[in-house]
Protein backbone atom coordinates (compact mmCIF):
# COMPACT_ATOMS: atom_id res chain seq x y z
CA UNK A 1 -17.81 178.98 81.99
CA UNK A 2 -16.43 177.66 84.53
CA UNK A 3 -13.81 175.86 82.58
CA UNK A 4 -12.46 178.40 80.50
CA UNK A 5 -11.89 180.36 84.23
CA UNK A 6 -9.88 177.32 85.04
CA UNK A 7 -7.92 176.91 82.20
CA UNK A 8 -7.31 180.49 82.29
CA UNK A 9 -5.89 180.05 85.44
CA UNK A 10 -3.57 177.09 84.82
CA UNK A 11 -2.12 179.05 81.82
CA UNK A 12 -1.81 182.28 84.18
CA UNK A 13 0.27 179.69 86.56
CA UNK A 14 2.40 178.02 83.49
CA UNK A 15 3.31 181.65 81.92
CA UNK A 16 4.49 182.35 85.75
CA UNK A 17 6.47 179.13 86.28
CA UNK A 18 8.38 179.79 82.91
CA UNK A 19 9.11 183.44 83.75
CA UNK A 20 10.75 182.47 87.23
CA UNK A 21 12.22 179.90 84.77
CA UNK A 22 14.84 180.84 81.33
CA UNK A 23 14.88 177.92 78.89
CA UNK A 24 12.52 175.67 80.91
CA UNK A 25 14.69 174.36 83.54
CA UNK A 26 17.28 177.19 83.99
CA UNK A 27 16.73 179.52 87.19
CA UNK A 28 16.32 182.98 86.38
CA UNK A 29 19.07 184.09 88.85
CA UNK A 30 21.26 181.78 87.22
CA UNK A 31 21.49 183.16 84.10
CA UNK A 32 23.97 186.51 83.91
CA UNK A 33 22.85 190.35 83.21
CA UNK A 34 22.52 190.52 79.05
CA UNK A 35 24.98 193.63 79.80
CA UNK A 36 27.61 192.01 81.53
CA UNK A 37 31.30 191.68 80.07
CA UNK A 38 34.15 189.48 81.48
CA UNK A 39 37.32 189.60 80.52
CA UNK A 40 40.24 187.10 81.48
CA UNK A 41 43.91 187.66 80.87
CA UNK A 42 46.10 184.66 80.84
CA UNK A 43 49.66 183.60 80.87
CA UNK A 44 49.97 181.14 78.24
CA UNK A 45 47.03 179.23 75.98
CA UNK A 46 45.30 176.30 76.30
CA UNK A 47 48.63 174.25 76.03
CA UNK A 48 49.69 174.89 79.25
CA UNK A 49 48.16 172.51 81.94
CA UNK A 50 47.82 175.81 84.41
CA UNK A 51 46.07 178.36 81.94
CA UNK A 52 43.96 175.28 80.82
CA UNK A 53 42.44 174.72 83.79
CA UNK A 54 41.52 178.66 84.47
CA UNK A 55 39.81 178.57 80.61
CA UNK A 56 37.74 175.33 80.71
CA UNK A 57 36.54 177.00 84.29
CA UNK A 58 35.74 180.16 82.50
CA UNK A 59 33.85 177.93 79.46
CA UNK A 60 31.91 176.28 81.93
CA UNK A 61 30.86 179.28 83.88
CA UNK A 62 30.01 181.04 79.92
CA UNK A 63 27.71 178.20 79.48
CA UNK A 64 25.99 178.08 82.96
CA UNK A 65 25.35 181.64 82.88
CA UNK A 66 24.09 181.72 79.05
CA UNK A 67 26.55 184.51 77.94
CA UNK A 68 27.81 184.59 74.57
CA UNK A 69 31.23 184.85 72.70
CA UNK A 70 31.03 188.69 73.10
CA UNK A 71 30.38 188.85 76.54
CA UNK A 72 33.61 186.59 77.39
CA UNK A 73 36.89 188.25 76.14
CA UNK A 74 39.93 185.74 76.39
CA UNK A 75 43.72 187.21 76.08
CA UNK A 76 46.04 184.62 76.08
CA UNK A 77 50.03 184.43 75.98
CA UNK A 78 50.33 187.59 77.69
CA UNK A 79 53.80 188.40 80.02
CA UNK A 80 53.95 188.96 83.50
CA UNK A 81 54.82 192.35 82.09
CA UNK A 82 53.23 195.77 81.13
CA UNK A 83 52.01 193.91 78.07
CA UNK A 84 49.18 192.52 81.38
CA UNK A 85 48.56 196.39 82.36
CA UNK A 86 48.09 196.84 78.14
CA UNK A 87 45.53 193.83 78.11
CA UNK A 88 43.61 195.09 81.28
CA UNK A 89 43.10 198.68 80.42
CA UNK A 90 42.04 196.95 76.89
CA UNK A 91 39.76 194.94 78.02
CA UNK A 92 38.41 198.17 80.36
CA UNK A 93 38.18 200.11 77.32
CA UNK A 94 36.02 197.28 75.69
CA UNK A 95 33.47 197.62 78.18
CA UNK A 96 34.40 194.63 80.80
CA UNK A 97 32.59 195.15 84.08
CA UNK A 98 35.14 192.16 85.75
CA UNK A 99 38.78 191.74 84.59
CA UNK A 100 40.33 188.42 85.93
CA UNK A 101 44.01 187.53 85.74
CA UNK A 102 45.56 184.31 86.16
CA UNK A 103 49.30 184.37 87.01
CA UNK A 104 51.96 186.02 89.88
CA UNK A 105 53.01 188.15 87.99
CA UNK A 106 50.37 189.64 86.31
CA UNK A 107 49.83 191.59 89.76
CA UNK A 108 51.45 194.53 89.62
CA UNK A 109 49.89 195.39 86.43
CA UNK A 110 46.79 194.52 87.62
CA UNK A 111 46.80 197.09 90.14
CA UNK A 112 47.95 199.65 88.20
CA UNK A 113 45.05 198.92 86.02
CA UNK A 114 42.87 198.88 89.03
CA UNK A 115 43.38 202.77 89.74
CA UNK A 116 43.04 204.00 86.33
CA UNK A 117 39.78 201.96 86.28
CA UNK A 118 37.76 202.43 89.41
CA UNK A 119 34.40 201.61 87.90
CA UNK A 120 35.96 197.82 86.73
CA UNK A 121 36.56 194.76 88.78
CA UNK A 122 40.06 193.91 88.63
CA UNK A 123 40.19 190.18 90.38
CA UNK A 124 44.03 188.47 90.52
CA UNK A 125 44.97 184.89 91.19
CA UNK A 126 47.53 183.76 93.22
CA UNK A 127 48.39 187.53 94.23
CA UNK A 128 48.85 188.65 97.48
CA UNK A 129 48.71 192.44 97.74
CA UNK A 130 44.55 193.01 97.63
CA UNK A 131 44.61 193.11 101.58
CA UNK A 132 46.95 195.62 101.60
CA UNK A 133 46.00 197.46 98.92
CA UNK A 134 42.61 198.17 100.48
CA UNK A 135 41.31 199.10 96.78
CA UNK A 136 37.48 198.29 96.56
CA UNK A 137 37.72 197.22 92.89
CA UNK A 138 40.93 195.19 93.41
CA UNK A 139 41.14 191.78 94.72
CA UNK A 140 43.13 188.13 95.39
CA UNK A 141 41.82 184.79 95.01
CA UNK A 142 43.24 181.24 95.69
CA UNK A 143 42.42 177.81 97.38
CA UNK A 144 43.67 175.51 99.57
CA UNK A 145 45.22 173.57 97.12
CA UNK A 146 48.09 172.65 99.57
CA UNK A 147 44.63 169.71 101.34
CA UNK A 148 44.39 168.66 97.59
CA UNK A 149 48.32 167.87 97.21
CA UNK A 150 47.85 166.43 100.66
CA UNK A 151 45.74 163.95 99.20
CA UNK A 152 46.98 163.28 96.11
CA UNK A 153 50.54 162.92 98.17
CA UNK A 154 48.52 160.13 99.98
CA UNK A 155 48.33 158.23 96.45
CA UNK A 156 51.44 158.46 96.17
CA UNK A 157 52.76 157.14 99.87
CA UNK A 158 50.52 153.86 98.93
CA UNK A 159 51.68 153.26 95.48
CA UNK A 160 55.69 153.77 97.47
CA UNK A 161 54.46 151.08 99.79
CA UNK A 162 52.69 148.59 96.67
CA UNK A 163 56.37 149.05 95.01
CA UNK A 164 58.25 147.88 98.30
CA UNK A 165 55.92 145.06 99.30
CA UNK A 166 56.39 143.84 95.69
CA UNK A 167 60.84 144.12 96.08
CA UNK A 168 60.81 146.67 93.68
CA UNK A 169 63.30 148.68 95.74
CA UNK A 170 63.91 148.79 99.58
CA UNK A 171 61.71 150.77 102.14
CA UNK A 172 64.79 153.58 102.41
CA UNK A 173 65.15 153.81 99.06
CA UNK A 174 61.40 155.43 98.93
CA UNK A 175 62.49 158.87 97.13
CA UNK A 176 59.98 161.04 95.31
CA UNK A 177 61.19 163.62 92.83
CA UNK A 178 59.47 166.37 92.12
CA UNK A 179 59.74 169.36 89.46
CA UNK A 180 59.23 172.68 90.62
CA UNK A 181 58.87 175.75 88.73
CA UNK A 182 60.06 178.74 91.31
CA UNK A 183 61.04 178.60 95.04
CA UNK A 184 57.79 180.69 95.50
CA UNK A 185 55.92 180.19 98.89
CA UNK A 186 53.19 178.55 97.03
CA UNK A 187 55.24 175.94 94.89
CA UNK A 188 57.02 175.48 98.69
CA UNK A 189 53.74 174.64 100.35
CA UNK A 190 52.60 172.91 97.34
CA UNK A 191 55.55 170.00 97.08
CA UNK A 192 55.46 170.02 101.34
CA UNK A 193 52.01 169.58 101.81
CA UNK A 194 51.84 166.42 99.07
CA UNK A 195 55.56 165.22 100.85
CA UNK A 196 53.49 164.77 104.06
CA UNK A 197 50.82 163.38 102.31
CA UNK A 198 53.03 160.92 100.85
CA UNK A 199 54.86 160.72 104.51
CA UNK A 200 51.59 159.88 106.61
CA UNK A 201 51.26 156.53 104.75
CA UNK A 202 55.14 155.77 103.74
CA UNK A 203 56.75 157.19 106.46
CA UNK A 204 60.52 156.20 104.92
CA UNK A 205 59.88 158.55 102.00
CA UNK A 206 62.18 161.13 100.98
CA UNK A 207 62.48 163.96 98.64
CA UNK A 208 64.15 166.11 95.91
CA UNK A 209 63.27 169.04 94.36
CA UNK A 210 64.54 169.87 91.07
CA UNK A 211 63.63 173.74 90.27
CA UNK A 212 62.93 174.87 86.29
CA UNK A 213 63.07 179.11 86.72
CA UNK A 214 59.84 179.12 84.56
CA UNK A 215 56.04 177.97 84.67
CA UNK A 216 55.94 176.60 81.10
CA UNK A 217 59.19 175.01 79.98
CA UNK A 218 58.49 171.45 78.22
CA UNK A 219 61.96 170.73 78.01
CA UNK A 220 63.42 172.20 81.24
CA UNK A 221 60.45 170.19 82.69
CA UNK A 222 61.22 166.88 81.15
CA UNK A 223 65.33 167.32 81.24
CA UNK A 224 64.56 168.15 85.28
CA UNK A 225 62.43 164.90 85.39
CA UNK A 226 64.74 163.04 83.51
CA UNK A 227 67.36 164.26 86.34
CA UNK A 228 65.11 163.06 89.22
CA UNK A 229 64.37 159.80 87.65
CA UNK A 230 68.33 158.97 87.12
CA UNK A 231 69.15 160.39 90.49
CA UNK A 232 66.98 157.17 91.78
CA UNK A 233 63.90 159.11 92.24
CA UNK A 234 61.15 156.02 92.23
CA UNK A 235 57.98 158.24 91.43
CA UNK A 236 57.83 162.05 89.98
CA UNK A 237 55.73 164.80 91.07
CA UNK A 238 55.22 168.45 89.78
CA UNK A 239 54.31 172.33 89.92
CA UNK A 240 54.95 172.86 86.41
CA UNK A 241 52.76 173.44 83.18
CA UNK A 242 53.44 171.35 80.77
CA UNK A 243 53.75 167.62 79.74
CA UNK A 244 57.32 167.27 80.14
CA UNK A 245 57.86 165.57 83.35
CA UNK A 246 54.55 163.47 82.99
CA UNK A 247 56.00 162.69 79.37
CA UNK A 248 59.35 161.95 81.28
CA UNK A 249 58.14 159.15 83.59
CA UNK A 250 55.67 157.33 81.12
CA UNK A 251 58.68 156.83 78.73
CA UNK A 252 60.93 155.52 81.90
CA UNK A 253 57.38 153.62 83.33
CA UNK A 254 58.01 156.18 86.29
CA UNK A 255 54.33 156.37 88.16
CA UNK A 256 53.43 160.13 88.24
CA UNK A 257 51.31 162.35 90.18
CA UNK A 258 50.56 165.20 87.73
CA UNK A 259 49.18 168.83 88.40
CA UNK A 260 45.86 170.76 86.59
CA UNK A 261 44.42 167.82 84.89
CA UNK A 262 44.70 163.63 84.14
CA UNK A 263 47.38 163.45 81.79
CA UNK A 264 46.29 159.54 81.68
CA UNK A 265 45.27 159.90 77.94
CA UNK A 266 49.04 160.50 77.02
CA UNK A 267 50.42 158.57 79.90
CA UNK A 268 48.09 155.57 80.45
CA UNK A 269 50.79 153.28 82.11
CA UNK A 270 51.87 155.97 84.59
CA UNK A 271 49.64 158.81 85.20
CA UNK A 272 48.11 157.71 88.88
CA UNK A 273 46.06 160.54 89.72
CA UNK A 274 45.74 164.63 89.88
CA UNK A 275 44.82 168.14 91.96
CA UNK A 276 43.62 171.26 90.89
CA UNK A 277 42.01 174.05 92.04
CA UNK A 278 38.22 174.48 89.73
CA UNK A 279 38.03 178.82 89.54
CA UNK A 280 34.40 178.25 88.00
CA UNK A 281 33.44 178.69 92.15
CA UNK A 282 35.04 181.76 91.97
CA UNK A 283 33.99 183.33 88.94
CA UNK A 284 30.57 182.85 89.84
CA UNK A 285 30.94 184.13 93.52
CA UNK A 286 32.61 187.64 91.76
CA UNK A 287 30.29 187.80 89.42
CA UNK A 288 27.04 186.62 92.40
CA UNK A 289 28.86 190.29 94.34
CA UNK A 290 28.85 192.31 91.01
CA UNK A 291 24.92 191.54 89.72
CA UNK A 292 23.87 192.20 93.64
CA UNK A 293 25.61 195.23 94.36
CA UNK A 294 27.58 192.99 97.29
CA UNK A 295 31.18 193.54 98.67
CA UNK A 296 33.91 191.47 96.78
CA UNK A 297 36.15 190.15 99.52
CA UNK A 298 40.04 191.17 99.08
CA UNK A 299 41.29 187.84 99.31
CA UNK A 300 39.00 184.61 98.90
CA UNK A 301 39.76 181.46 99.09
CA UNK A 302 38.04 178.04 98.08
CA UNK A 303 38.41 174.91 99.83
CA UNK A 304 37.13 171.38 99.68
CA UNK A 305 34.22 172.20 100.56
CA UNK A 306 33.18 174.82 98.24
CA UNK A 307 33.82 172.58 95.38
CA UNK A 308 37.14 174.80 94.69
CA UNK A 309 40.09 171.78 95.15
CA UNK A 310 39.59 168.90 93.36
CA UNK A 311 41.30 165.68 92.18
CA UNK A 312 40.88 163.45 89.20
CA UNK A 313 39.48 160.10 89.42
CA UNK A 314 42.59 157.63 89.47
CA UNK A 315 43.83 155.75 87.18
CA UNK A 316 43.39 152.08 88.45
CA UNK A 317 46.06 150.90 86.16
CA UNK A 318 48.89 152.81 87.83
CA UNK A 319 47.45 153.12 91.28
CA UNK A 320 47.89 151.07 94.21
CA UNK A 321 44.94 148.89 95.21
CA UNK A 322 42.76 150.26 98.22
CA UNK A 323 44.19 154.34 96.52
CA UNK A 324 39.91 155.05 95.81
CA UNK A 325 38.85 154.52 99.14
CA UNK A 326 41.77 155.66 101.17
CA UNK A 327 41.69 159.02 99.62
CA UNK A 328 37.71 159.43 100.37
CA UNK A 329 38.39 159.08 104.28
CA UNK A 330 41.52 161.32 104.34
CA UNK A 331 39.24 164.18 102.20
CA UNK A 332 36.08 163.74 104.95
CA UNK A 333 39.66 163.85 107.86
CA UNK A 334 40.33 167.13 106.27
CA UNK A 335 36.83 168.55 105.96
CA UNK A 336 36.15 167.27 109.19
CA UNK A 337 39.54 169.17 110.96
CA UNK A 338 40.36 165.69 111.89
CA UNK A 339 43.47 166.00 110.14
CA UNK A 340 45.69 169.36 109.56
CA UNK A 341 47.93 169.23 106.47
CA UNK A 342 50.19 171.21 108.41
CA UNK A 343 50.42 169.74 111.67
CA UNK A 344 53.94 170.50 113.48
CA UNK A 345 54.07 167.37 114.77
CA UNK A 346 53.81 165.57 111.34
CA UNK A 347 57.29 167.45 110.56
CA UNK A 348 60.64 169.09 112.05
CA UNK A 349 62.98 172.16 110.35
CA UNK A 350 66.56 171.16 111.25
CA UNK A 351 65.82 168.60 114.00
CA UNK A 352 63.45 170.68 115.85
CA UNK A 353 59.34 170.66 115.75
CA UNK A 354 57.95 174.15 115.41
CA UNK A 355 55.93 175.76 118.12
CA UNK A 356 56.11 179.52 116.76
CA UNK A 357 56.96 181.18 112.82
CA UNK A 358 56.34 183.97 111.32
CA UNK A 359 55.38 184.32 108.05
CA UNK A 360 55.80 187.27 105.75
CA UNK A 361 51.90 188.05 105.38
CA UNK A 362 51.68 191.88 104.81
CA UNK A 363 53.94 191.43 101.73
CA UNK A 364 56.68 194.14 101.30
CA UNK A 365 59.79 194.41 98.85
CA UNK A 366 62.03 192.74 101.47
CA UNK A 367 59.35 189.62 102.39
CA UNK A 368 59.74 190.76 106.25
CA UNK A 369 57.92 188.20 108.29
CA UNK A 370 55.41 189.86 109.95
CA UNK A 371 52.25 187.27 111.61
CA UNK A 372 52.57 184.32 113.48
CA UNK A 373 50.97 181.66 111.42
CA UNK A 374 51.50 178.20 114.61
CA UNK A 375 48.93 178.27 116.79
CA UNK A 376 46.94 175.22 117.89
CA UNK A 377 49.43 172.69 116.63
CA UNK A 378 49.35 173.14 113.38
CA UNK A 379 50.34 176.19 110.63
CA UNK A 380 47.83 177.97 109.47
CA UNK A 381 48.20 177.96 105.63
CA UNK A 382 46.02 180.33 103.67
CA UNK A 383 43.98 182.28 106.47
CA UNK A 384 45.28 185.11 106.94
CA UNK A 385 45.59 185.58 102.94
CA UNK A 386 44.59 183.64 100.31
CA UNK A 387 47.63 183.11 98.70
CA UNK A 388 50.27 180.93 100.32
CA UNK A 389 53.26 181.59 102.84
CA UNK A 390 54.21 178.51 103.84
CA UNK A 391 58.17 178.92 103.20
CA UNK A 392 59.60 176.54 105.40
CA UNK A 393 61.94 174.18 104.35
CA UNK A 394 61.10 170.89 106.21
CA UNK A 395 63.74 168.21 107.22
CA UNK A 396 63.26 165.02 104.46
CA UNK A 397 63.11 167.21 101.48
CA UNK A 398 66.33 168.37 99.72
CA UNK A 399 66.37 171.07 97.02
CA UNK A 400 69.12 170.25 93.99
CA UNK A 401 68.91 173.41 92.92
CA UNK A 402 67.64 177.18 93.72
CA UNK A 403 65.39 179.26 90.91
CA UNK A 404 63.57 182.54 92.32
């Protein structure tokens, strides 16, 4: 009889354990509510490295939370116009509890939908107005990707040094080319942090930037990279979303630091490394807040510590020797606060070191500067709101054109 009772107790304990664990290993709290429904709005499709990066994160979360395909709806190739509002409204009408959009120009249309559907949470990446609109169901998010770009810049600087040591060009000719989409603070912050990372190890480095006026235009991006290469740039990076620039680099055998994912498969001889934002931590943060009735922050910023800023594996075939070890040390220095990406001692503007700067944080139609962002010897990027507001044109970087 005692053996039977003991057996029953063991079975009861096993049953209790299986109740606490879903699918024999996944914690119950990791499995989202069956009523949860997510909508995603993408500017392009998976051919855009930028949009694919968001899509990959969404699929990762879907798998981790055991969501069905009916609970996750993608809308791709949604322009930065009223089409975004229509997409957001349709997702709300389909019963989505949370709607995410991924492009800067989607913001006013997401805001319009948020006002019309107060019971739905609308989350917008790269936006600037959530903290001033103060709607309970409208939110912005970004990550301190400038840290990742700085680290990638160190890899670029090390490659320049290696090429100089090999006699491929003189130190004073260490010119970087950069393909940018628009002259937005997000792009300026990105290419400046990349440049500062490169210059931290290659002090003679300079940079030229060519803008395309488009987030995704493979022909224009390839043309811009080709122009920069013909201009004498020894290494190319970009804030643009196609394979245009990496392909131009592979064709010309010019080292390339890409963005939003590895291009090593297509560019095995020239790809060095890439930085990207991993959006999965933000998606999970929002879902957790929604399911546990917690407030979703108006502005959310992820970083190296949250796993939101990531770098790809280094392509040892193209990178300088010792790059992996050097980047690990830089990452630790950034995490500890020893290195500040926008340390004002590391750059000048028109020959002057800055000790004060008003940035446009509370965005208005005239982009009026309103907030002091330099203190303690560095520019405090993405601390006053999630989206970047570093818009300084520092010495050493030349803009070949301007595309807003």
